[in-house]
mmCIF file of all heavy atoms, coordinates in Angstrom:
data_MODEL
# 
_entry.id   MODEL 
# 
loop_
_atom_site.group_PDB 
_atom_site.id 
_atom_site.type_symbol 
_atom_site.label_atom_id 
_atom_site.label_alt_id 
_atom_site.label_comp_id 
_atom_site.label_asym_id 
_atom_site.label_entity_id 
_atom_site.label_seq_id 
_atom_site.pdbx_PDB_ins_code 
_atom_site.Cartn_x 
_atom_site.Cartn_y 
_atom_site.Cartn_z 
_atom_site.occupancy 
_atom_site.B_iso_or_equiv 
_atom_site.pdbx_formal_charge 
_atom_site.auth_seq_id 
_atom_site.auth_comp_id 
_atom_site.auth_asym_id 
_atom_site.auth_atom_id 
_atom_site.pdbx_PDB_model_num 
ATOM 1   N N   . LEU A 1 1  ? 20.789  -3.151  -8.092 1.00 0.00 ? 1  LEU A N   1 
ATOM 2   C CA  . LEU A 1 1  ? 20.197  -2.386  -7.068 1.00 0.00 ? 1  LEU A CA  1 
ATOM 3   C C   . LEU A 1 1  ? 21.337  -1.643  -6.296 1.00 0.00 ? 1  LEU A C   1 
ATOM 4   O O   . LEU A 1 1  ? 22.421  -2.270  -6.179 1.00 0.00 ? 1  LEU A O   1 
ATOM 5   C CB  . LEU A 1 1  ? 19.457  -3.285  -6.107 1.00 0.00 ? 1  LEU A CB  1 
ATOM 6   C CG  . LEU A 1 1  ? 18.239  -3.999  -6.556 1.00 0.00 ? 1  LEU A CG  1 
ATOM 7   C CD1 . LEU A 1 1  ? 17.628  -4.934  -5.563 1.00 0.00 ? 1  LEU A CD1 1 
ATOM 8   C CD2 . LEU A 1 1  ? 17.202  -3.054  -7.083 1.00 0.00 ? 1  LEU A CD2 1 
ATOM 9   N N   . LEU A 1 2  ? 21.048  -0.472  -5.789 1.00 0.00 ? 2  LEU A N   1 
ATOM 10  C CA  . LEU A 1 2  ? 22.142  0.444   -5.278 1.00 0.00 ? 2  LEU A CA  1 
ATOM 11  C C   . LEU A 1 2  ? 21.994  0.778   -3.816 1.00 0.00 ? 2  LEU A C   1 
ATOM 12  O O   . LEU A 1 2  ? 20.867  0.782   -3.318 1.00 0.00 ? 2  LEU A O   1 
ATOM 13  C CB  . LEU A 1 2  ? 22.249  1.732   -6.054 1.00 0.00 ? 2  LEU A CB  1 
ATOM 14  C CG  . LEU A 1 2  ? 22.475  1.489   -7.638 1.00 0.00 ? 2  LEU A CG  1 
ATOM 15  C CD1 . LEU A 1 2  ? 22.347  2.898   -8.291 1.00 0.00 ? 2  LEU A CD1 1 
ATOM 16  C CD2 . LEU A 1 2  ? 23.716  0.889   -7.904 1.00 0.00 ? 2  LEU A CD2 1 
ATOM 17  N N   . LYS A 1 3  ? 23.070  1.183   -3.151 1.00 0.00 ? 3  LYS A N   1 
ATOM 18  C CA  . LYS A 1 3  ? 23.163  1.506   -1.783 1.00 0.00 ? 3  LYS A CA  1 
ATOM 19  C C   . LYS A 1 3  ? 22.041  2.574   -1.520 1.00 0.00 ? 3  LYS A C   1 
ATOM 20  O O   . LYS A 1 3  ? 21.875  3.513   -2.389 1.00 0.00 ? 3  LYS A O   1 
ATOM 21  C CB  . LYS A 1 3  ? 24.533  2.103   -1.477 1.00 0.00 ? 3  LYS A CB  1 
ATOM 22  C CG  . LYS A 1 3  ? 24.533  2.665   -0.144 1.00 0.00 ? 3  LYS A CG  1 
ATOM 23  C CD  . LYS A 1 3  ? 26.005  3.121   0.115  1.00 0.00 ? 3  LYS A CD  1 
ATOM 24  C CE  . LYS A 1 3  ? 26.113  3.718   1.538  1.00 0.00 ? 3  LYS A CE  1 
ATOM 25  N NZ  . LYS A 1 3  ? 27.542  4.203   1.822  1.00 0.00 ? 3  LYS A NZ  1 
ATOM 26  N N   . ASN A 1 4  ? 21.372  2.470   -0.448 1.00 0.00 ? 4  ASN A N   1 
ATOM 27  C CA  . ASN A 1 4  ? 20.290  3.326   -0.026 1.00 0.00 ? 4  ASN A CA  1 
ATOM 28  C C   . ASN A 1 4  ? 19.017  3.233   -0.781 1.00 0.00 ? 4  ASN A C   1 
ATOM 29  O O   . ASN A 1 4  ? 17.965  3.904   -0.463 1.00 0.00 ? 4  ASN A O   1 
ATOM 30  C CB  . ASN A 1 4  ? 20.778  4.790   0.150  1.00 0.00 ? 4  ASN A CB  1 
ATOM 31  C CG  . ASN A 1 4  ? 21.773  4.957   1.260  1.00 0.00 ? 4  ASN A CG  1 
ATOM 32  O OD1 . ASN A 1 4  ? 21.595  4.312   2.263  1.00 0.00 ? 4  ASN A OD1 1 
ATOM 33  N ND2 . ASN A 1 4  ? 22.771  5.767   0.944  1.00 0.00 ? 4  ASN A ND2 1 
ATOM 34  N N   . GLN A 1 5  ? 19.007  2.358   -1.826 1.00 0.00 ? 5  GLN A N   1 
ATOM 35  C CA  . GLN A 1 5  ? 17.697  2.194   -2.503 1.00 0.00 ? 5  GLN A CA  1 
ATOM 36  C C   . GLN A 1 5  ? 16.825  1.316   -1.624 1.00 0.00 ? 5  GLN A C   1 
ATOM 37  O O   . GLN A 1 5  ? 17.247  0.657   -0.627 1.00 0.00 ? 5  GLN A O   1 
ATOM 38  C CB  . GLN A 1 5  ? 17.799  1.272   -3.721 1.00 0.00 ? 5  GLN A CB  1 
ATOM 39  C CG  . GLN A 1 5  ? 17.837  2.060   -4.980 1.00 0.00 ? 5  GLN A CG  1 
ATOM 40  C CD  . GLN A 1 5  ? 17.891  1.209   -6.219 1.00 0.00 ? 5  GLN A CD  1 
ATOM 41  O OE1 . GLN A 1 5  ? 18.716  0.250   -6.354 1.00 0.00 ? 5  GLN A OE1 1 
ATOM 42  N NE2 . GLN A 1 5  ? 17.018  1.433   -7.203 1.00 0.00 ? 5  GLN A NE2 1 
ATOM 43  N N   . PHE A 1 6  ? 15.429  1.578   -1.686 1.00 0.00 ? 6  PHE A N   1 
ATOM 44  C CA  . PHE A 1 6  ? 14.588  0.676   -0.871 1.00 0.00 ? 6  PHE A CA  1 
ATOM 45  C C   . PHE A 1 6  ? 13.815  -0.064  -1.838 1.00 0.00 ? 6  PHE A C   1 
ATOM 46  O O   . PHE A 1 6  ? 13.422  0.238   -2.959 1.00 0.00 ? 6  PHE A O   1 
ATOM 47  C CB  . PHE A 1 6  ? 13.704  1.487   0.010  1.00 0.00 ? 6  PHE A CB  1 
ATOM 48  C CG  . PHE A 1 6  ? 12.715  2.512   -0.644 1.00 0.00 ? 6  PHE A CG  1 
ATOM 49  C CD1 . PHE A 1 6  ? 11.574  2.171   -1.043 1.00 0.00 ? 6  PHE A CD1 1 
ATOM 50  C CD2 . PHE A 1 6  ? 13.227  3.822   -0.970 1.00 0.00 ? 6  PHE A CD2 1 
ATOM 51  C CE1 . PHE A 1 6  ? 10.662  2.992   -1.698 1.00 0.00 ? 6  PHE A CE1 1 
ATOM 52  C CE2 . PHE A 1 6  ? 12.435  4.753   -1.545 1.00 0.00 ? 6  PHE A CE2 1 
ATOM 53  C CZ  . PHE A 1 6  ? 11.131  4.328   -1.848 1.00 0.00 ? 6  PHE A CZ  1 
ATOM 54  N N   . VAL A 1 7  ? 13.339  -1.294  -1.281 1.00 0.00 ? 7  VAL A N   1 
ATOM 55  C CA  . VAL A 1 7  ? 12.587  -2.263  -2.189 1.00 0.00 ? 7  VAL A CA  1 
ATOM 56  C C   . VAL A 1 7  ? 11.262  -2.636  -1.383 1.00 0.00 ? 7  VAL A C   1 
ATOM 57  O O   . VAL A 1 7  ? 11.433  -3.187  -0.240 1.00 0.00 ? 7  VAL A O   1 
ATOM 58  C CB  . VAL A 1 7  ? 13.339  -3.463  -2.498 1.00 0.00 ? 7  VAL A CB  1 
ATOM 59  C CG1 . VAL A 1 7  ? 12.536  -4.413  -3.343 1.00 0.00 ? 7  VAL A CG1 1 
ATOM 60  C CG2 . VAL A 1 7  ? 14.643  -2.965  -3.327 1.00 0.00 ? 7  VAL A CG2 1 
ATOM 61  N N   . LEU A 1 8  ? 10.150  -2.312  -1.863 1.00 0.00 ? 8  LEU A N   1 
ATOM 62  C CA  . LEU A 1 8  ? 8.876   -2.689  -1.263 1.00 0.00 ? 8  LEU A CA  1 
ATOM 63  C C   . LEU A 1 8  ? 8.708   -4.194  -1.935 1.00 0.00 ? 8  LEU A C   1 
ATOM 64  O O   . LEU A 1 8  ? 8.748   -4.251  -3.156 1.00 0.00 ? 8  LEU A O   1 
ATOM 65  C CB  . LEU A 1 8  ? 7.739   -1.805  -1.648 1.00 0.00 ? 8  LEU A CB  1 
ATOM 66  C CG  . LEU A 1 8  ? 7.794   -0.481  -0.950 1.00 0.00 ? 8  LEU A CG  1 
ATOM 67  C CD1 . LEU A 1 8  ? 8.035   0.567   -1.945 1.00 0.00 ? 8  LEU A CD1 1 
ATOM 68  C CD2 . LEU A 1 8  ? 6.485   -0.294  -0.253 1.00 0.00 ? 8  LEU A CD2 1 
ATOM 69  N N   . THR A 1 9  ? 8.528   -5.172  -1.130 1.00 0.00 ? 9  THR A N   1 
ATOM 70  C CA  . THR A 1 9  ? 8.654   -6.585  -1.705 1.00 0.00 ? 9  THR A CA  1 
ATOM 71  C C   . THR A 1 9  ? 7.295   -7.139  -2.147 1.00 0.00 ? 9  THR A C   1 
ATOM 72  O O   . THR A 1 9  ? 7.341   -8.242  -2.686 1.00 0.00 ? 9  THR A O   1 
ATOM 73  C CB  . THR A 1 9  ? 9.186   -7.457  -0.580 1.00 0.00 ? 9  THR A CB  1 
ATOM 74  O OG1 . THR A 1 9  ? 8.413   -7.312  0.636  1.00 0.00 ? 9  THR A OG1 1 
ATOM 75  C CG2 . THR A 1 9  ? 10.611  -7.114  -0.202 1.00 0.00 ? 9  THR A CG2 1 
ATOM 76  N N   . GLY A 1 10 ? 6.170   -6.537  -1.978 1.00 0.00 ? 10 GLY A N   1 
ATOM 77  C CA  . GLY A 1 10 ? 4.883   -6.985  -2.323 1.00 0.00 ? 10 GLY A CA  1 
ATOM 78  C C   . GLY A 1 10 ? 3.956   -7.185  -1.196 1.00 0.00 ? 10 GLY A C   1 
ATOM 79  O O   . GLY A 1 10 ? 4.373   -7.263  0.064  1.00 0.00 ? 10 GLY A O   1 
ATOM 80  N N   . SER A 1 11 ? 2.660   -6.996  -1.414 1.00 0.00 ? 11 SER A N   1 
ATOM 81  C CA  . SER A 1 11 ? 1.604   -7.046  -0.412 1.00 0.00 ? 11 SER A CA  1 
ATOM 82  C C   . SER A 1 11 ? 1.534   -8.334  0.280  1.00 0.00 ? 11 SER A C   1 
ATOM 83  O O   . SER A 1 11 ? 1.600   -9.373  -0.420 1.00 0.00 ? 11 SER A O   1 
ATOM 84  C CB  . SER A 1 11 ? 0.287   -6.617  -1.064 1.00 0.00 ? 11 SER A CB  1 
ATOM 85  O OG  . SER A 1 11 ? -0.737  -6.464  -0.039 1.00 0.00 ? 11 SER A OG  1 
ATOM 86  N N   . VAL A 1 12 ? 1.322   -8.225  1.582  1.00 0.00 ? 12 VAL A N   1 
ATOM 87  C CA  . VAL A 1 12 ? 1.333   -9.496  2.421  1.00 0.00 ? 12 VAL A CA  1 
ATOM 88  C C   . VAL A 1 12 ? -0.221  -10.037 2.411  1.00 0.00 ? 12 VAL A C   1 
ATOM 89  O O   . VAL A 1 12 ? -0.385  -11.123 2.940  1.00 0.00 ? 12 VAL A O   1 
ATOM 90  C CB  . VAL A 1 12 ? 1.766   -9.204  3.863  1.00 0.00 ? 12 VAL A CB  1 
ATOM 91  C CG1 . VAL A 1 12 ? 3.188   -8.802  3.857  1.00 0.00 ? 12 VAL A CG1 1 
ATOM 92  C CG2 . VAL A 1 12 ? 0.823   -8.226  4.575  1.00 0.00 ? 12 VAL A CG2 1 
ATOM 93  N N   . ALA A 1 13 ? -1.107  -9.241  1.968  1.00 0.00 ? 13 ALA A N   1 
ATOM 94  C CA  . ALA A 1 13 ? -2.468  -9.659  1.969  1.00 0.00 ? 13 ALA A CA  1 
ATOM 95  C C   . ALA A 1 13 ? -3.115  -8.857  0.813  1.00 0.00 ? 13 ALA A C   1 
ATOM 96  O O   . ALA A 1 13 ? -2.552  -7.916  0.189  1.00 0.00 ? 13 ALA A O   1 
ATOM 97  C CB  . ALA A 1 13 ? -3.122  -9.335  3.268  1.00 0.00 ? 13 ALA A CB  1 
ATOM 98  N N   . GLY A 1 14 ? -4.370  -9.208  0.524  1.00 0.00 ? 14 GLY A N   1 
ATOM 99  C CA  . GLY A 1 14 ? -5.189  -8.556  -0.474 1.00 0.00 ? 14 GLY A CA  1 
ATOM 100 C C   . GLY A 1 14 ? -5.252  -7.043  -0.045 1.00 0.00 ? 14 GLY A C   1 
ATOM 101 O O   . GLY A 1 14 ? -5.361  -6.675  1.198  1.00 0.00 ? 14 GLY A O   1 
ATOM 102 N N   . ALA A 1 15 ? -5.094  -6.104  -0.991 1.00 0.00 ? 15 ALA A N   1 
ATOM 103 C CA  . ALA A 1 15 ? -5.129  -4.634  -0.670 1.00 0.00 ? 15 ALA A CA  1 
ATOM 104 C C   . ALA A 1 15 ? -6.428  -4.255  -0.139 1.00 0.00 ? 15 ALA A C   1 
ATOM 105 O O   . ALA A 1 15 ? -7.424  -4.757  -0.333 1.00 0.00 ? 15 ALA A O   1 
ATOM 106 C CB  . ALA A 1 15 ? -4.845  -3.818  -1.956 1.00 0.00 ? 15 ALA A CB  1 
ATOM 107 N N   . TYR A 1 16 ? -6.384  -3.143  0.711  1.00 0.00 ? 16 TYR A N   1 
ATOM 108 C CA  . TYR A 1 16 ? -7.592  -2.500  1.175  1.00 0.00 ? 16 TYR A CA  1 
ATOM 109 C C   . TYR A 1 16 ? -8.015  -1.622  0.046  1.00 0.00 ? 16 TYR A C   1 
ATOM 110 O O   . TYR A 1 16 ? -7.321  -0.741  -0.357 1.00 0.00 ? 16 TYR A O   1 
ATOM 111 C CB  . TYR A 1 16 ? -7.249  -1.727  2.487  1.00 0.00 ? 16 TYR A CB  1 
ATOM 112 C CG  . TYR A 1 16 ? -8.455  -0.871  2.926  1.00 0.00 ? 16 TYR A CG  1 
ATOM 113 C CD1 . TYR A 1 16 ? -9.650  -1.551  3.345  1.00 0.00 ? 16 TYR A CD1 1 
ATOM 114 C CD2 . TYR A 1 16 ? -8.368  0.537   2.890  1.00 0.00 ? 16 TYR A CD2 1 
ATOM 115 C CE1 . TYR A 1 16 ? -10.655 -0.736  3.794  1.00 0.00 ? 16 TYR A CE1 1 
ATOM 116 C CE2 . TYR A 1 16 ? -9.502  1.288   3.321  1.00 0.00 ? 16 TYR A CE2 1 
ATOM 117 C CZ  . TYR A 1 16 ? -10.666 0.650   3.667  1.00 0.00 ? 16 TYR A CZ  1 
ATOM 118 O OH  . TYR A 1 16 ? -11.724 1.432   4.204  1.00 0.00 ? 16 TYR A OH  1 
ATOM 119 N N   . PHE A 1 17 ? -9.204  -2.012  -0.484 1.00 0.00 ? 17 PHE A N   1 
ATOM 120 C CA  . PHE A 1 17 ? -9.777  -1.329  -1.628 1.00 0.00 ? 17 PHE A CA  1 
ATOM 121 C C   . PHE A 1 17 ? -11.209 -0.817  -1.493 1.00 0.00 ? 17 PHE A C   1 
ATOM 122 O O   . PHE A 1 17 ? -12.149 -1.577  -1.840 1.00 0.00 ? 17 PHE A O   1 
ATOM 123 C CB  . PHE A 1 17 ? -9.678  -2.270  -2.815 1.00 0.00 ? 17 PHE A CB  1 
ATOM 124 C CG  . PHE A 1 17 ? -9.674  -1.721  -4.192 1.00 0.00 ? 17 PHE A CG  1 
ATOM 125 C CD1 . PHE A 1 17 ? -9.412  -2.517  -5.274 1.00 0.00 ? 17 PHE A CD1 1 
ATOM 126 C CD2 . PHE A 1 17 ? -10.049 -0.370  -4.409 1.00 0.00 ? 17 PHE A CD2 1 
ATOM 127 C CE1 . PHE A 1 17 ? -9.471  -2.007  -6.508 1.00 0.00 ? 17 PHE A CE1 1 
ATOM 128 C CE2 . PHE A 1 17 ? -10.159 0.111   -5.720 1.00 0.00 ? 17 PHE A CE2 1 
ATOM 129 C CZ  . PHE A 1 17 ? -9.864  -0.666  -6.831 1.00 0.00 ? 17 PHE A CZ  1 
ATOM 130 N N   . PRO A 1 18 ? -11.475 0.247   -0.764 1.00 0.00 ? 18 PRO A N   1 
ATOM 131 C CA  . PRO A 1 18 ? -12.801 0.673   -0.495 1.00 0.00 ? 18 PRO A CA  1 
ATOM 132 C C   . PRO A 1 18 ? -13.522 1.018   -1.783 1.00 0.00 ? 18 PRO A C   1 
ATOM 133 O O   . PRO A 1 18 ? -12.986 1.844   -2.570 1.00 0.00 ? 18 PRO A O   1 
ATOM 134 C CB  . PRO A 1 18 ? -12.665 1.844   0.481  1.00 0.00 ? 18 PRO A CB  1 
ATOM 135 C CG  . PRO A 1 18 ? -11.315 2.448   0.163  1.00 0.00 ? 18 PRO A CG  1 
ATOM 136 C CD  . PRO A 1 18 ? -10.466 1.213   -0.214 1.00 0.00 ? 18 PRO A CD  1 
ATOM 137 N N   . LYS A 1 19 ? -14.673 0.621   -1.913 1.00 0.00 ? 19 LYS A N   1 
ATOM 138 C CA  . LYS A 1 19 ? -15.504 0.936   -3.056 1.00 0.00 ? 19 LYS A CA  1 
ATOM 139 C C   . LYS A 1 19 ? -16.110 2.349   -3.070 1.00 0.00 ? 19 LYS A C   1 
ATOM 140 O O   . LYS A 1 19 ? -16.197 2.908   -4.108 1.00 0.00 ? 19 LYS A O   1 
ATOM 141 C CB  . LYS A 1 19 ? -16.589 -0.051  -3.361 1.00 0.00 ? 19 LYS A CB  1 
ATOM 142 C CG  . LYS A 1 19 ? -16.082 -1.534  -3.592 1.00 0.00 ? 19 LYS A CG  1 
ATOM 143 C CD  . LYS A 1 19 ? -17.190 -2.454  -3.798 1.00 0.00 ? 19 LYS A CD  1 
ATOM 144 C CE  . LYS A 1 19 ? -16.784 -3.904  -3.797 1.00 0.00 ? 19 LYS A CE  1 
ATOM 145 N NZ  . LYS A 1 19 ? -15.836 -4.350  -4.562 1.00 0.00 ? 19 LYS A NZ  1 
ATOM 146 N N   . GLU A 1 20 ? -16.351 2.808   -1.861 1.00 0.00 ? 20 GLU A N   1 
ATOM 147 C CA  . GLU A 1 20 ? -16.967 4.094   -1.710 1.00 0.00 ? 20 GLU A CA  1 
ATOM 148 C C   . GLU A 1 20 ? -15.873 5.130   -1.285 1.00 0.00 ? 20 GLU A C   1 
ATOM 149 O O   . GLU A 1 20 ? -14.958 4.805   -0.490 1.00 0.00 ? 20 GLU A O   1 
ATOM 150 C CB  . GLU A 1 20 ? -18.169 4.036   -0.592 1.00 0.00 ? 20 GLU A CB  1 
ATOM 151 C CG  . GLU A 1 20 ? -19.193 3.062   -1.018 1.00 0.00 ? 20 GLU A CG  1 
ATOM 152 C CD  . GLU A 1 20 ? -19.926 3.342   -2.241 1.00 0.00 ? 20 GLU A CD  1 
ATOM 153 O OE1 . GLU A 1 20 ? -20.160 4.669   -2.439 1.00 0.00 ? 20 GLU A OE1 1 
ATOM 154 O OE2 . GLU A 1 20 ? -20.435 2.554   -2.964 1.00 0.00 ? 20 GLU A OE2 1 
ATOM 155 N N   . LYS A 1 21 ? -15.927 6.350   -1.721 1.00 0.00 ? 21 LYS A N   1 
ATOM 156 C CA  . LYS A 1 21 ? -15.041 7.409   -1.351 1.00 0.00 ? 21 LYS A CA  1 
ATOM 157 C C   . LYS A 1 21 ? -14.989 7.680   0.193  1.00 0.00 ? 21 LYS A C   1 
ATOM 158 O O   . LYS A 1 21 ? -14.010 7.962   0.686  1.00 0.00 ? 21 LYS A O   1 
ATOM 159 C CB  . LYS A 1 21 ? -15.316 8.697   -2.097 1.00 0.00 ? 21 LYS A CB  1 
ATOM 160 C CG  . LYS A 1 21 ? -14.907 8.650   -3.507 1.00 0.00 ? 21 LYS A CG  1 
ATOM 161 C CD  . LYS A 1 21 ? -15.109 9.944   -4.160 1.00 0.00 ? 21 LYS A CD  1 
ATOM 162 C CE  . LYS A 1 21 ? -14.615 9.856   -5.692 1.00 0.00 ? 21 LYS A CE  1 
ATOM 163 N NZ  . LYS A 1 21 ? -14.606 11.118  -6.311 1.00 0.00 ? 21 LYS A NZ  1 
ATOM 164 N N   . ALA A 1 22 ? -16.171 7.378   0.799  1.00 0.00 ? 22 ALA A N   1 
ATOM 165 C CA  . ALA A 1 22 ? -16.175 7.635   2.306  1.00 0.00 ? 22 ALA A CA  1 
ATOM 166 C C   . ALA A 1 22 ? -15.294 6.663   3.046  1.00 0.00 ? 22 ALA A C   1 
ATOM 167 O O   . ALA A 1 22 ? -14.973 6.827   4.185  1.00 0.00 ? 22 ALA A O   1 
ATOM 168 C CB  . ALA A 1 22 ? -17.682 7.440   2.783  1.00 0.00 ? 22 ALA A CB  1 
ATOM 169 N N   . GLY A 1 23 ? -15.028 5.515   2.378  1.00 0.00 ? 23 GLY A N   1 
ATOM 170 C CA  . GLY A 1 23 ? -14.098 4.604   3.024  1.00 0.00 ? 23 GLY A CA  1 
ATOM 171 C C   . GLY A 1 23 ? -12.550 4.783   2.936  1.00 0.00 ? 23 GLY A C   1 
ATOM 172 O O   . GLY A 1 23 ? -11.862 4.075   3.368  1.00 0.00 ? 23 GLY A O   1 
ATOM 173 N N   . ARG A 1 24 ? -12.268 5.940   2.242  1.00 0.00 ? 24 ARG A N   1 
ATOM 174 C CA  . ARG A 1 24 ? -10.883 6.176   1.987  1.00 0.00 ? 24 ARG A CA  1 
ATOM 175 C C   . ARG A 1 24 ? -10.213 7.120   3.043  1.00 0.00 ? 24 ARG A C   1 
ATOM 176 O O   . ARG A 1 24 ? -9.124  6.651   3.464  1.00 0.00 ? 24 ARG A O   1 
ATOM 177 C CB  . ARG A 1 24 ? -10.804 6.918   0.568  1.00 0.00 ? 24 ARG A CB  1 
ATOM 178 C CG  . ARG A 1 24 ? -11.206 6.126   -0.510 1.00 0.00 ? 24 ARG A CG  1 
ATOM 179 C CD  . ARG A 1 24 ? -11.144 6.809   -1.809 1.00 0.00 ? 24 ARG A CD  1 
ATOM 180 N NE  . ARG A 1 24 ? -11.605 5.922   -2.929 1.00 0.00 ? 24 ARG A NE  1 
ATOM 181 C CZ  . ARG A 1 24 ? -11.964 6.258   -4.069 1.00 0.00 ? 24 ARG A CZ  1 
ATOM 182 N NH1 . ARG A 1 24 ? -11.763 7.561   -4.482 1.00 0.00 ? 24 ARG A NH1 1 
ATOM 183 N NH2 . ARG A 1 24 ? -12.463 5.465   -5.018 1.00 0.00 ? 24 ARG A NH2 1 
ATOM 184 N N   . PRO A 1 25 ? -10.793 8.212   3.528  1.00 0.00 ? 25 PRO A N   1 
ATOM 185 C CA  . PRO A 1 25 ? -10.071 9.055   4.352  1.00 0.00 ? 25 PRO A CA  1 
ATOM 186 C C   . PRO A 1 25 ? -9.931  8.337   5.795  1.00 0.00 ? 25 PRO A C   1 
ATOM 187 O O   . PRO A 1 25 ? -10.760 7.468   6.139  1.00 0.00 ? 25 PRO A O   1 
ATOM 188 C CB  . PRO A 1 25 ? -11.066 10.273  4.584  1.00 0.00 ? 25 PRO A CB  1 
ATOM 189 C CG  . PRO A 1 25 ? -11.921 10.283  3.401  1.00 0.00 ? 25 PRO A CG  1 
ATOM 190 C CD  . PRO A 1 25 ? -12.061 8.832   2.995  1.00 0.00 ? 25 PRO A CD  1 
ATOM 191 N N   . GLY A 1 26 ? -8.865  8.689   6.515  1.00 0.00 ? 26 GLY A N   1 
ATOM 192 C CA  . GLY A 1 26 ? -8.710  8.102   7.788  1.00 0.00 ? 26 GLY A CA  1 
ATOM 193 C C   . GLY A 1 26 ? -7.230  7.972   8.136  1.00 0.00 ? 26 GLY A C   1 
ATOM 194 O O   . GLY A 1 26 ? -6.306  8.312   7.310  1.00 0.00 ? 26 GLY A O   1 
ATOM 195 N N   . LYS A 1 27 ? -6.962  7.593   9.367  1.00 0.00 ? 27 LYS A N   1 
ATOM 196 C CA  . LYS A 1 27 ? -5.609  7.298   9.783  1.00 0.00 ? 27 LYS A CA  1 
ATOM 197 C C   . LYS A 1 27 ? -5.333  5.824   9.724  1.00 0.00 ? 27 LYS A C   1 
ATOM 198 O O   . LYS A 1 27 ? -5.851  5.054   10.400 1.00 0.00 ? 27 LYS A O   1 
ATOM 199 C CB  . LYS A 1 27 ? -5.429  7.762   11.409 1.00 0.00 ? 27 LYS A CB  1 
ATOM 200 C CG  . LYS A 1 27 ? -4.012  7.701   11.790 1.00 0.00 ? 27 LYS A CG  1 
ATOM 201 C CD  . LYS A 1 27 ? -3.912  8.174   13.208 1.00 0.00 ? 27 LYS A CD  1 
ATOM 202 C CE  . LYS A 1 27 ? -2.504  8.042   13.721 1.00 0.00 ? 27 LYS A CE  1 
ATOM 203 N NZ  . LYS A 1 27 ? -2.365  8.642   15.141 1.00 0.00 ? 27 LYS A NZ  1 
# 
């Protein structure tokens, strides 16, 4: 691993996974 690389370490909980497209847009 190199200087200034970033590492996402893994999800802390189950992912937010909306089944309907209407549940996707938002802040």
